[in-house]
C-alpha cells in the first residue's frame, strides 16, 4: 500500500466519478482503475460500488476515508515541515479572479482559507478566462476562476456554479424588437468580446436555432466597459444577471426576457487538485459557494421565469 493509491481512493470518493477523478490526477481511467483494484485486493474488500452514473463508497470505504485523508495530510505536513526547516518562506497560493471580486466571494474565500490553512498566504490577481491556462502553466497563478468549460490539455476545469446571463438592450432601441424576435435582436448593434467568449458563445448558440448571428459593431474585453457602453446606448450586450438588472433598474436598458447560462469554474493544472494547499482551496470554494443557496436559487428562478415568458 502506498500514498498514490490513497490519493486515487480520495479522488474517486471526492468526485464520485472515475472520469473526473482521472482528470484531476492527470491519469488515464485505466491506470486509476488499476490503482483502486490493487488497493481493494490488498484490503480484501471493495471500497466502491460501481453504478451507472458513477461510483459511491461502500460502508468499508466510508469508514476508511478519514484515515486515508489523515495519512496523506500527515505526509504533506511532514514534507511541509521539512521544507520549512530549509526555508522560512510562507507558502503562497495565487488565485486568478476573472470578474467582480464581490461576485466571486473573494472576502469569504480569504477568510475561510485563513481558518483552514493559517500558514498559507492567499493572494488574488486579475485574470481573464482565455488566458487562465497560460497563467497556470507559467506558474503565474495556482488556480483561477473562469467562465465556461474550456477542455484545454493539462488543465482541469472544476464546475463551481451556474451563472445566469441576460441580454441588455439600450433603452433607445427597446421598442424596436418584441419578445421572441431573435432576427430583430440580432440586427441591432452588438458589443462583443473576444472570439470564443463563453457569454457570446451562449448567445450565438441560441441564435443559431433561428439562423442569425449578432451584428457586432463594438468590441471590449472588460465587463465594466461593456456595461457602460450599453448604458451609453452604443450597443446590445450579454451581461451577468446582476449587472444587467442594475442597468434595467436605472432605466438605462431593457432586458430580453430569456435567460442564458454559463458555468463558473475553478481551473488548475491537471493532477494538482489533491495536493495541499490547492486541495484545501477547492474545499473552501465548495463550502463558500454551496452555502450560498441564494445564488443557485437566483439562477434557477431566472431560468424558470425566462421559460415561462417564451
C-alpha atoms as a PDB file:
ATOM      1  CA  UNK A   1       0.000   0.000   0.000  1.00  0.00           C
ATOM      2  CA  UNK A   2       1.308   3.461  -0.860  1.00  0.00           C
ATOM      3  CA  UNK A   3       0.186   7.084  -0.779  1.00  0.00           C
ATOM      4  CA  UNK A   4      -0.520   7.177  -4.510  1.00  0.00           C
ATOM      5  CA  UNK A   5      -3.210   4.535  -4.091  1.00  0.00           C
ATOM      6  CA  UNK A   6      -4.697   6.505  -1.215  1.00  0.00           C
ATOM      7  CA  UNK A   7      -4.709   9.637  -3.391  1.00  0.00           C
ATOM      8  CA  UNK A   8      -6.614   7.694  -6.047  1.00  0.00           C
ATOM      9  CA  UNK A   9      -9.055   6.485  -3.404  1.00  0.00           C
ATOM     10  CA  UNK A  10      -9.643  10.060  -2.188  1.00  0.00           C
ATOM     11  CA  UNK A  11     -10.044  11.413  -5.718  1.00  0.00           C
ATOM     12  CA  UNK A  12     -12.833   8.977  -6.632  1.00  0.00           C
ATOM     13  CA  UNK A  13     -14.524   9.442  -3.255  1.00  0.00           C
ATOM     14  CA  UNK A  14     -14.418  13.236  -3.728  1.00  0.00           C
ATOM     15  CA  UNK A  15     -15.575  13.280  -7.360  1.00  0.00           C
ATOM     16  CA  UNK A  16     -17.904  10.250  -7.303  1.00  0.00           C
ATOM     17  CA  UNK A  17     -16.888   9.644 -10.887  1.00  0.00           C
ATOM     18  CA  UNK A  18     -13.919   7.762 -12.379  1.00  0.00           C
ATOM     19  CA  UNK A  19     -13.547  10.086 -15.390  1.00  0.00           C
ATOM     20  CA  UNK A  20     -13.436  13.315 -13.373  1.00  0.00           C
ATOM     21  CA  UNK A  21     -11.128  11.769 -10.788  1.00  0.00           C
ATOM     22  CA  UNK A  22      -8.729  10.629 -13.514  1.00  0.00           C
ATOM     23  CA  UNK A  23      -8.683  14.149 -14.976  1.00  0.00           C
ATOM     24  CA  UNK A  24      -7.824  15.754 -11.649  1.00  0.00           C
ATOM     25  CA  UNK A  25      -4.982  13.275 -11.066  1.00  0.00           C
ATOM     26  CA  UNK A  26      -3.774  13.539 -14.685  1.00  0.00           C
ATOM     27  CA  UNK A  27      -4.105   9.760 -15.074  1.00  0.00           C
ATOM     28  CA  UNK A  28      -5.827   7.576 -17.621  1.00  0.00           C
ATOM     29  CA  UNK A  29      -9.043   5.937 -16.453  1.00  0.00           C
ATOM     30  CA  UNK A  30      -7.472   2.510 -16.825  1.00  0.00           C
ATOM     31  CA  UNK A  31      -4.475   3.486 -14.679  1.00  0.00           C
ATOM     32  CA  UNK A  32      -6.731   4.927 -11.986  1.00  0.00           C
ATOM     33  CA  UNK A  33      -8.994   1.885 -12.091  1.00  0.00           C
ATOM     34  CA  UNK A  34      -5.936  -0.338 -11.765  1.00  0.00           C
ATOM     35  CA  UNK A  35      -4.719   1.523  -8.673  1.00  0.00           C
ATOM     36  CA  UNK A  36      -8.095   1.101  -6.969  1.00  0.00           C
ATOM     37  CA  UNK A  37      -8.284  -2.563  -7.946  1.00  0.00           C
ATOM     38  CA  UNK A  38      -4.861  -3.195  -6.404  1.00  0.00           C
ATOM     39  CA  UNK A  39      -5.853  -1.384  -3.225  1.00  0.00           C
ATOM     40  CA  UNK A  40      -9.074  -3.373  -2.928  1.00  0.00           C
ATOM     41  CA  UNK A  41      -7.161  -6.603  -3.462  1.00  0.00           C
ATOM     42  CA  UNK A  42      -4.749  -5.665  -0.681  1.00  0.00           C
ATOM     43  CA  UNK A  43      -7.637  -4.876   1.654  1.00  0.00           C
ATOM     44  CA  UNK A  44      -9.648  -7.903   0.515  1.00  0.00           C
ATOM     45  CA  UNK A  45     -12.914  -5.975   0.276  1.00  0.00           C
ATOM     46  CA  UNK A  46     -14.414  -3.411  -2.158  1.00  0.00           C
ATOM     47  CA  UNK A  47     -14.170   0.316  -1.472  1.00  0.00           C
ATOM     48  CA  UNK A  48     -16.701   1.434  -4.078  1.00  0.00           C
ATOM     49  CA  UNK A  49     -19.975   0.371  -5.553  1.00  0.00           C
ATOM     50  CA  UNK A  50     -19.954   0.795  -9.339  1.00  0.00           C
ATOM     51  CA  UNK A  51     -23.164   2.417 -10.566  1.00  0.00           C
ATOM     52  CA  UNK A  52     -24.413   3.538 -13.983  1.00  0.00           C
ATOM     53  CA  UNK A  53     -23.884   7.212 -13.122  1.00  0.00           C
ATOM     54  CA  UNK A  54     -20.735   6.974 -11.043  1.00  0.00           C
ATOM     55  CA  UNK A  55     -19.140   5.359  -8.024  1.00  0.00           C
ATOM     56  CA  UNK A  56     -20.183   5.525  -4.394  1.00  0.00           C
ATOM     57  CA  UNK A  57     -18.355   4.417  -1.271  1.00  0.00           C
ATOM     58  CA  UNK A  58     -19.172   1.122   0.370  1.00  0.00           C
ATOM     59  CA  UNK A  59     -19.611   1.116   4.153  1.00  0.00           C
ATOM     60  CA  UNK A  60     -15.997  -0.039   4.429  1.00  0.00           C
ATOM     61  CA  UNK A  61     -14.908   2.786   2.160  1.00  0.00           C
ATOM     62  CA  UNK A  62     -16.793   5.334   4.259  1.00  0.00           C
ATOM     63  CA  UNK A  63     -15.037   4.007   7.373  1.00  0.00           C
ATOM     64  CA  UNK A  64     -11.554   4.238   5.832  1.00  0.00           C
ATOM     65  CA  UNK A  65     -11.999   7.619   4.103  1.00  0.00           C
ATOM     66  CA  UNK A  66     -10.975   9.853   7.047  1.00  0.00           C
ATOM     67  CA  UNK A  67      -7.966   7.608   7.752  1.00  0.00           C
ATOM     68  CA  UNK A  68      -6.790   7.871   4.153  1.00  0.00           C
ATOM     69  CA  UNK A  69      -7.108  11.615   4.234  1.00  0.00           C
ATOM     70  CA  UNK A  70      -5.242  11.800   7.547  1.00  0.00           C
ATOM     71  CA  UNK A  71      -2.430   9.647   6.156  1.00  0.00           C
ATOM     72  CA  UNK A  72      -1.955  11.883   3.132  1.00  0.00           C
ATOM     73  CA  UNK A  73      -2.237  15.041   5.199  1.00  0.00           C
ATOM     74  CA  UNK A  74       0.333  13.710   7.670  1.00  0.00           C
ATOM     75  CA  UNK A  75       2.802  13.059   4.848  1.00  0.00           C
ATOM     76  CA  UNK A  76       2.204  16.522   3.409  1.00  0.00           C
ATOM     77  CA  UNK A  77       2.711  18.074   6.832  1.00  0.00           C
ATOM     78  CA  UNK A  78       5.942  16.102   7.155  1.00  0.00           C
ATOM     79  CA  UNK A  79       7.148  17.447   3.812  1.00  0.00           C
ATOM     80  CA  UNK A  80       5.996  20.980   4.629  1.00  0.00           C
ATOM     81  CA  UNK A  81       7.775  20.893   7.972  1.00  0.00           C
ATOM     82  CA  UNK A  82      10.941  19.609   6.346  1.00  0.00           C
ATOM     83  CA  UNK A  83      10.685  22.370   3.770  1.00  0.00           C
ATOM     84  CA  UNK A  84      10.190  24.996   6.472  1.00  0.00           C
ATOM     85  CA  UNK A  85      13.427  23.863   8.093  1.00  0.00           C
ATOM     86  CA  UNK A  86      15.194  24.692   4.825  1.00  0.00           C
ATOM     87  CA  UNK A  87      13.389  27.950   4.215  1.00  0.00           C
ATOM     88  CA  UNK A  88      11.415  30.351   6.352  1.00  0.00           C
ATOM     89  CA  UNK A  89       9.261  31.414   3.393  1.00  0.00           C
ATOM     90  CA  UNK A  90       5.484  31.230   3.845  1.00  0.00           C
ATOM     91  CA  UNK A  91       3.560  29.078   1.373  1.00  0.00           C
ATOM     92  CA  UNK A  92       1.714  31.214  -1.163  1.00  0.00           C
ATOM     93  CA  UNK A  93      -1.348  30.365  -3.243  1.00  0.00           C
ATOM     94  CA  UNK A  94      -2.211  32.723  -6.105  1.00  0.00           C
ATOM     95  CA  UNK A  95      -5.797  32.721  -7.396  1.00  0.00           C
ATOM     96  CA  UNK A  96      -6.961  34.488 -10.553  1.00  0.00           C
ATOM     97  CA  UNK A  97     -10.221  36.443 -10.496  1.00  0.00           C
ATOM     98  CA  UNK A  98     -11.853  36.837 -13.899  1.00  0.00           C
ATOM     99  CA  UNK A  99     -14.728  39.060 -12.803  1.00  0.00           C
ATOM    100  CA  UNK A 100     -16.081  41.166  -9.921  1.00  0.00           C
ATOM    101  CA  UNK A 101     -14.303  40.093  -6.668  1.00  0.00           C
ATOM    102  CA  UNK A 102     -17.538  40.549  -4.732  1.00  0.00           C
ATOM    103  CA  UNK A 103     -19.369  38.204  -7.105  1.00  0.00           C
ATOM    104  CA  UNK A 104     -16.575  35.637  -6.694  1.00  0.00           C
ATOM    105  CA  UNK A 105     -16.825  35.817  -2.862  1.00  0.00           C
ATOM    106  CA  UNK A 106     -13.200  36.910  -2.508  1.00  0.00           C
ATOM    107  CA  UNK A 107     -13.590  38.039   1.111  1.00  0.00           C
ATOM    108  CA  UNK A 108     -15.282  34.775   2.144  1.00  0.00           C
ATOM    109  CA  UNK A 109     -12.654  32.701   0.343  1.00  0.00           C
ATOM    110  CA  UNK A 110      -9.840  34.581   2.046  1.00  0.00           C
ATOM    111  CA  UNK A 111     -11.470  34.320   5.470  1.00  0.00           C
ATOM    112  CA  UNK A 112     -12.147  30.598   5.160  1.00  0.00           C
ATOM    113  CA  UNK A 113      -8.644  29.862   3.875  1.00  0.00           C
ATOM    114  CA  UNK A 114      -7.095  31.691   6.839  1.00  0.00           C
ATOM    115  CA  UNK A 115      -9.063  29.359   9.098  1.00  0.00           C
ATOM    116  CA  UNK A 116      -8.312  26.202   7.140  1.00  0.00           C
ATOM    117  CA  UNK A 117      -4.667  26.952   6.324  1.00  0.00           C
ATOM    118  CA  UNK A 118      -3.314  29.755   8.556  1.00  0.00           C
ATOM    119  CA  UNK A 119       0.243  29.179   7.305  1.00  0.00           C
ATOM    120  CA  UNK A 120      -0.722  29.769   3.676  1.00  0.00           C
ATOM    121  CA  UNK A 121      -0.792  33.260   2.214  1.00  0.00           C
ATOM    122  CA  UNK A 122      -3.662  33.546  -0.266  1.00  0.00           C
ATOM    123  CA  UNK A 123      -3.156  36.159  -2.987  1.00  0.00           C
ATOM    124  CA  UNK A 124      -5.523  37.317  -5.732  1.00  0.00           C
ATOM    125  CA  UNK A 125      -4.703  38.692  -9.170  1.00  0.00           C
ATOM    126  CA  UNK A 126      -6.876  39.977 -12.008  1.00  0.00           C
ATOM    127  CA  UNK A 127      -7.180  37.416 -14.800  1.00  0.00           C
ATOM    128  CA  UNK A 128      -9.138  36.660 -17.954  1.00  0.00           C
ATOM    129  CA  UNK A 129     -10.800  33.366 -18.795  1.00  0.00           C
ATOM    130  CA  UNK A 130      -8.982  32.911 -22.093  1.00  0.00           C
ATOM    131  CA  UNK A 131      -5.526  33.460 -20.558  1.00  0.00           C
ATOM    132  CA  UNK A 132      -6.077  31.264 -17.485  1.00  0.00           C
ATOM    133  CA  UNK A 133      -4.436  28.139 -18.919  1.00  0.00           C
ATOM    134  CA  UNK A 134      -1.261  30.015 -19.917  1.00  0.00           C
ATOM    135  CA  UNK A 135      -1.041  31.654 -16.485  1.00  0.00           C
ATOM    136  CA  UNK A 136      -1.395  28.262 -14.788  1.00  0.00           C
ATOM    137  CA  UNK A 137       1.260  26.653 -16.965  1.00  0.00           C
ATOM    138  CA  UNK A 138       3.712  29.515 -16.415  1.00  0.00           C
ATOM    139  CA  UNK A 139       3.208  29.421 -12.643  1.00  0.00           C
ATOM    140  CA  UNK A 140       1.818  32.958 -12.537  1.00  0.00           C
ATOM    141  CA  UNK A 141      -1.129  31.567 -10.601  1.00  0.00           C
ATOM    142  CA  UNK A 142      -2.058  28.276  -8.957  1.00  0.00           C
ATOM    143  CA  UNK A 143      -5.792  28.368  -9.692  1.00  0.00           C
ATOM    144  CA  UNK A 144      -8.170  30.682 -11.482  1.00  0.00           C
ATOM    145  CA  UNK A 145     -11.872  31.328 -11.763  1.00  0.00           C
ATOM    146  CA  UNK A 146     -13.251  31.486 -15.267  1.00  0.00           C
ATOM    147  CA  UNK A 147     -16.480  31.155 -17.189  1.00  0.00           C
ATOM    148  CA  UNK A 148     -17.047  28.100 -19.366  1.00  0.00           C
ATOM    149  CA  UNK A 149     -15.583  24.602 -19.667  1.00  0.00           C
ATOM    150  CA  UNK A 150     -12.573  25.031 -21.948  1.00  0.00           C
ATOM    151  CA  UNK A 151     -11.223  21.487 -22.175  1.00  0.00           C
ATOM    152  CA  UNK A 152      -7.605  22.586 -22.618  1.00  0.00           C
ATOM    153  CA  UNK A 153      -4.879  19.954 -22.396  1.00  0.00           C
ATOM    154  CA  UNK A 154      -3.280  19.682 -18.979  1.00  0.00           C
ATOM    155  CA  UNK A 155      -5.844  21.948 -17.291  1.00  0.00           C
ATOM    156  CA  UNK A 156      -8.834  20.793 -15.248  1.00  0.00           C
ATOM    157  CA  UNK A 157     -11.992  22.947 -15.082  1.00  0.00           C
ATOM    158  CA  UNK A 158     -13.890  22.169 -11.890  1.00  0.00           C
ATOM    159  CA  UNK A 159     -17.542  23.195 -12.025  1.00  0.00           C
ATOM    160  CA  UNK A 160     -18.484  25.636  -9.248  1.00  0.00           C
ATOM    161  CA  UNK A 161     -21.917  27.113 -10.019  1.00  0.00           C
ATOM    162  CA  UNK A 162     -24.255  28.236 -12.812  1.00  0.00           C
ATOM    163  CA  UNK A 163     -24.078  31.899 -13.785  1.00  0.00           C
ATOM    164  CA  UNK A 164     -27.266  33.490 -15.120  1.00  0.00           C
ATOM    165  CA  UNK A 165     -26.938  35.907 -18.070  1.00  0.00           C
ATOM    166  CA  UNK A 166     -29.338  38.453 -19.520  1.00  0.00           C
ATOM    167  CA  UNK A 167     -29.209  40.381 -22.772  1.00  0.00           C
ATOM    168  CA  UNK A 168     -29.362  44.129 -22.091  1.00  0.00           C
ATOM    169  CA  UNK A 169     -30.859  46.346 -24.816  1.00  0.00           C
ATOM    170  CA  UNK A 170     -30.213  50.109 -24.596  1.00  0.00           C
ATOM    171  CA  UNK A 171     -33.442  51.897 -23.820  1.00  0.00           C
ATOM    172  CA  UNK A 172     -33.253  53.818 -27.122  1.00  0.00           C
ATOM    173  CA  UNK A 173     -33.836  50.549 -29.023  1.00  0.00           C
ATOM    174  CA  UNK A 174     -36.090  48.795 -26.542  1.00  0.00           C
ATOM    175  CA  UNK A 175     -39.211  49.388 -28.636  1.00  0.00           C
ATOM    176  CA  UNK A 176     -37.708  48.067 -31.863  1.00  0.00           C
ATOM    177  CA  UNK A 177     -37.856  44.361 -31.013  1.00  0.00           C
ATOM    178  CA  UNK A 178     -40.504  42.178 -29.436  1.00  0.00           C
ATOM    179  CA  UNK A 179     -40.030  39.087 -27.295  1.00  0.00           C
ATOM    180  CA  UNK A 180     -39.094  36.127 -29.475  1.00  0.00           C
ATOM    181  CA  UNK A 181     -37.885  38.261 -32.399  1.00  0.00           C
ATOM    182  CA  UNK A 182     -34.362  36.891 -32.500  1.00  0.00           C
ATOM    183  CA  UNK A 183     -33.815  38.153 -36.038  1.00  0.00           C
ATOM    184  CA  UNK A 184     -34.651  41.695 -34.980  1.00  0.00           C
ATOM    185  CA  UNK A 185     -32.491  41.373 -31.866  1.00  0.00           C
ATOM    186  CA  UNK A 186     -29.527  40.091 -33.878  1.00  0.00           C
ATOM    187  CA  UNK A 187     -29.811  43.026 -36.309  1.00  0.00           C
ATOM    188  CA  UNK A 188     -29.273  45.605 -33.548  1.00  0.00           C
ATOM    189  CA  UNK A 189     -25.696  46.849 -32.949  1.00  0.00           C
ATOM    190  CA  UNK A 190     -23.928  44.450 -30.550  1.00  0.00           C
ATOM    191  CA  UNK A 191     -21.000  44.946 -28.205  1.00  0.00           C
ATOM    192  CA  UNK A 192     -18.894  41.804 -28.237  1.00  0.00           C
ATOM    193  CA  UNK A 193     -15.811  40.431 -26.557  1.00  0.00           C
ATOM    194  CA  UNK A 194     -13.024  38.087 -27.709  1.00  0.00           C
ATOM    195  CA  UNK A 195     -13.656  35.174 -30.043  1.00  0.00           C
ATOM    196  CA  UNK A 196     -14.669  32.147 -28.003  1.00  0.00           C
ATOM    197  CA  UNK A 197     -16.012  34.192 -25.077  1.00  0.00           C
ATOM    198  CA  UNK A 198     -18.420  31.862 -23.187  1.00  0.00           C
ATOM    199  CA  UNK A 199     -21.010  34.654 -22.846  1.00  0.00           C
ATOM    200  CA  UNK A 200     -21.122  35.259 -26.584  1.00  0.00           C
ATOM    201  CA  UNK A 201     -20.968  31.581 -27.401  1.00  0.00           C
ATOM    202  CA  UNK A 202     -24.141  31.168 -25.334  1.00  0.00           C
ATOM    203  CA  UNK A 203     -25.797  33.910 -27.394  1.00  0.00           C
ATOM    204  CA  UNK A 204     -24.569  32.519 -30.712  1.00  0.00           C
ATOM    205  CA  UNK A 205     -25.754  29.032 -29.827  1.00  0.00           C
ATOM    206  CA  UNK A 206     -29.224  30.365 -29.020  1.00  0.00           C
ATOM    207  CA  UNK A 207     -29.360  32.484 -32.166  1.00  0.00           C
ATOM    208  CA  UNK A 208     -28.160  29.643 -34.385  1.00  0.00           C
ATOM    209  CA  UNK A 209     -31.518  27.944 -33.869  1.00  0.00           C
ATOM    210  CA  UNK A 210     -33.040  30.918 -35.711  1.00  0.00           C
ATOM    211  CA  UNK A 211     -30.337  31.109 -38.382  1.00  0.00           C
ATOM    212  CA  UNK A 212     -28.972  34.502 -37.294  1.00  0.00           C
ATOM    213  CA  UNK A 213     -25.827  35.972 -35.746  1.00  0.00           C
ATOM    214  CA  UNK A 214     -25.354  39.156 -33.701  1.00  0.00           C
ATOM    215  CA  UNK A 215     -24.421  42.292 -35.633  1.00  0.00           C
ATOM    216  CA  UNK A 216     -21.103  43.102 -33.929  1.00  0.00           C
ATOM    217  CA  UNK A 217     -20.094  46.765 -34.054  1.00  0.00           C
ATOM    218  CA  UNK A 218     -18.202  47.454 -30.800  1.00  0.00           C
ATOM    219  CA  UNK A 219     -15.609  45.341 -29.012  1.00  0.00           C
ATOM    220  CA  UNK A 220     -14.233  45.312 -25.469  1.00  0.00           C
ATOM    221  CA  UNK A 221     -12.812  42.654 -23.187  1.00  0.00           C
ATOM    222  CA  UNK A 222     -13.825  44.363 -19.946  1.00  0.00           C
ATOM    223  CA  UNK A 223     -17.214  43.694 -18.339  1.00  0.00           C
ATOM    224  CA  UNK A 224     -17.383  47.137 -16.745  1.00  0.00           C
ATOM    225  CA  UNK A 225     -16.699  48.879 -20.052  1.00  0.00           C
ATOM    226  CA  UNK A 226     -19.288  46.700 -21.780  1.00  0.00           C
ATOM    227  CA  UNK A 227     -21.885  47.674 -19.191  1.00  0.00           C
ATOM    228  CA  UNK A 228     -21.081  51.374 -19.636  1.00  0.00           C
ATOM    229  CA  UNK A 229     -21.323  51.123 -23.429  1.00  0.00           C
ATOM    230  CA  UNK A 230     -24.810  49.677 -23.056  1.00  0.00           C
ATOM    231  CA  UNK A 231     -25.689  52.485 -20.646  1.00  0.00           C
ATOM    232  CA  UNK A 232     -24.491  54.996 -23.242  1.00  0.00           C
ATOM    233  CA  UNK A 233     -26.756  53.377 -25.829  1.00  0.00           C
ATOM    234  CA  UNK A 234     -23.942  52.188 -28.093  1.00  0.00           C
ATOM    235  CA  UNK A 235     -24.992  48.576 -28.381  1.00  0.00           C
ATOM    236  CA  UNK A 236     -26.655  45.451 -27.028  1.00  0.00           C
ATOM    237  CA  UNK A 237     -24.637  43.154 -24.755  1.00  0.00           C
ATOM    238  CA  UNK A 238     -24.972  39.932 -22.791  1.00  0.00           C
ATOM    239  CA  UNK A 239     -24.103  40.530 -19.133  1.00  0.00           C
ATOM    240  CA  UNK A 240     -24.169  38.768 -15.808  1.00  0.00           C
ATOM    241  CA  UNK A 241     -27.652  38.913 -14.329  1.00  0.00           C
ATOM    242  CA  UNK A 242     -26.721  41.379 -11.574  1.00  0.00           C
ATOM    243  CA  UNK A 243     -25.046  43.814 -13.994  1.00  0.00           C
ATOM    244  CA  UNK A 244     -27.964  43.651 -16.436  1.00  0.00           C
ATOM    245  CA  UNK A 245     -30.519  44.226 -13.678  1.00  0.00           C
ATOM    246  CA  UNK A 246     -28.637  47.286 -12.420  1.00  0.00           C
ATOM    247  CA  UNK A 247     -28.912  48.853 -15.868  1.00  0.00           C
ATOM    248  CA  UNK A 248     -32.604  47.998 -16.057  1.00  0.00           C
ATOM    249  CA  UNK A 249     -33.317  49.378 -12.583  1.00  0.00           C
ATOM    250  CA  UNK A 250     -31.577  52.615 -13.551  1.00  0.00           C
ATOM    251  CA  UNK A 251     -33.821  52.932 -16.609  1.00  0.00           C
ATOM    252  CA  UNK A 252     -30.863  52.596 -18.981  1.00  0.00           C
ATOM    253  CA  UNK A 253     -31.726  49.278 -20.588  1.00  0.00           C
ATOM    254  CA  UNK A 254     -34.479  46.768 -21.149  1.00  0.00           C
ATOM    255  CA  UNK A 255     -33.772  43.096 -20.569  1.00  0.00           C
ATOM    256  CA  UNK A 256     -34.505  40.425 -23.146  1.00  0.00           C
ATOM    257  CA  UNK A 257     -36.982  38.035 -21.485  1.00  0.00           C
ATOM    258  CA  UNK A 258     -34.922  34.874 -21.991  1.00  0.00           C
ATOM    259  CA  UNK A 259     -32.159  33.971 -19.530  1.00  0.00           C
ATOM    260  CA  UNK A 260     -28.981  32.215 -20.632  1.00  0.00           C
ATOM    261  CA  UNK A 261     -26.413  30.364 -18.523  1.00  0.00           C
ATOM    262  CA  UNK A 262     -22.702  29.611 -18.433  1.00  0.00           C
ATOM    263  CA  UNK A 263     -20.786  27.601 -15.835  1.00  0.00           C
ATOM    264  CA  UNK A 264     -18.380  29.237 -13.410  1.00  0.00           C
ATOM    265  CA  UNK A 265     -15.312  27.036 -12.936  1.00  0.00           C
ATOM    266  CA  UNK A 266     -12.185  26.886 -10.805  1.00  0.00           C
ATOM    267  CA  UNK A 267      -9.332  25.864 -13.081  1.00  0.00           C
ATOM    268  CA  UNK A 268      -5.958  24.393 -12.111  1.00  0.00           C
ATOM    269  CA  UNK A 269      -3.296  22.155 -13.598  1.00  0.00           C
ATOM    270  CA  UNK A 270      -4.471  18.577 -14.029  1.00  0.00           C
ATOM    271  CA  UNK A 271      -3.012  16.378 -11.337  1.00  0.00           C
ATOM    272  CA  UNK A 272      -2.569  19.205  -8.819  1.00  0.00           C
ATOM    273  CA  UNK A 273      -6.027  19.226  -7.280  1.00  0.00           C
ATOM    274  CA  UNK A 274      -5.268  16.844  -4.429  1.00  0.00           C
ATOM    275  CA  UNK A 275      -2.047  18.473  -3.262  1.00  0.00           C
ATOM    276  CA  UNK A 276      -2.092  20.906  -0.369  1.00  0.00           C
ATOM    277  CA  UNK A 277      -2.863  23.821  -0.252  1.00  0.00           C
ATOM    278  CA  UNK A 278      -4.818  23.644  -3.535  1.00  0.00           C
ATOM    279  CA  UNK A 279      -6.880  20.776  -2.127  1.00  0.00           C
ATOM    280  CA  UNK A 280      -7.950  22.964   0.804  1.00  0.00           C
ATOM    281  CA  UNK A 281      -8.780  25.832  -1.567  1.00  0.00           C
ATOM    282  CA  UNK A 282     -11.112  23.514  -3.503  1.00  0.00           C
ATOM    283  CA  UNK A 283     -12.819  22.552  -0.239  1.00  0.00           C
ATOM    284  CA  UNK A 284     -13.193  26.213   0.705  1.00  0.00           C
ATOM    285  CA  UNK A 285     -14.607  27.130  -2.703  1.00  0.00           C
ATOM    286  CA  UNK A 286     -17.188  24.367  -2.418  1.00  0.00           C
ATOM    287  CA  UNK A 287     -18.097  25.431   1.116  1.00  0.00           C
ATOM    288  CA  UNK A 288     -18.462  29.112   0.202  1.00  0.00           C
ATOM    289  CA  UNK A 289     -20.500  28.514  -2.940  1.00  0.00           C
ATOM    290  CA  UNK A 290     -22.610  25.612  -1.704  1.00  0.00           C
ATOM    291  CA  UNK A 291     -23.604  27.581   1.369  1.00  0.00           C
ATOM    292  CA  UNK A 292     -24.702  30.443  -0.858  1.00  0.00           C
ATOM    293  CA  UNK A 293     -28.039  28.941  -1.815  1.00  0.00           C
ATOM    294  CA  UNK A 294     -29.283  32.363  -2.857  1.00  0.00           C
ATOM    295  CA  UNK A 295     -27.052  32.336  -5.958  1.00  0.00           C
ATOM    296  CA  UNK A 296     -28.303  28.944  -7.087  1.00  0.00           C
ATOM    297  CA  UNK A 297     -31.886  29.963  -6.397  1.00  0.00           C
ATOM    298  CA  UNK A 298     -31.331  33.170  -8.368  1.00  0.00           C
ATOM    299  CA  UNK A 299     -30.074  31.293 -11.402  1.00  0.00           C
ATOM    300  CA  UNK A 300     -32.825  28.684 -11.187  1.00  0.00           C
ATOM    301  CA  UNK A 301     -35.590  31.264 -10.785  1.00  0.00           C
ATOM    302  CA  UNK A 302     -34.208  33.302 -13.663  1.00  0.00           C
ATOM    303  CA  UNK A 303     -34.306  30.311 -15.998  1.00  0.00           C
ATOM    304  CA  UNK A 304     -37.816  29.364 -14.889  1.00  0.00           C
ATOM    305  CA  UNK A 305     -39.040  32.924 -15.390  1.00  0.00           C
ATOM    306  CA  UNK A 306     -37.457  33.001 -18.840  1.00  0.00           C
ATOM    307  CA  UNK A 307     -39.071  29.708 -19.835  1.00  0.00           C
ATOM    308  CA  UNK A 308     -42.468  30.942 -18.679  1.00  0.00           C
ATOM    309  CA  UNK A 309     -42.201  34.019 -20.900  1.00  0.00           C
ATOM    310  CA  UNK A 310     -41.286  32.128 -24.087  1.00  0.00           C
END
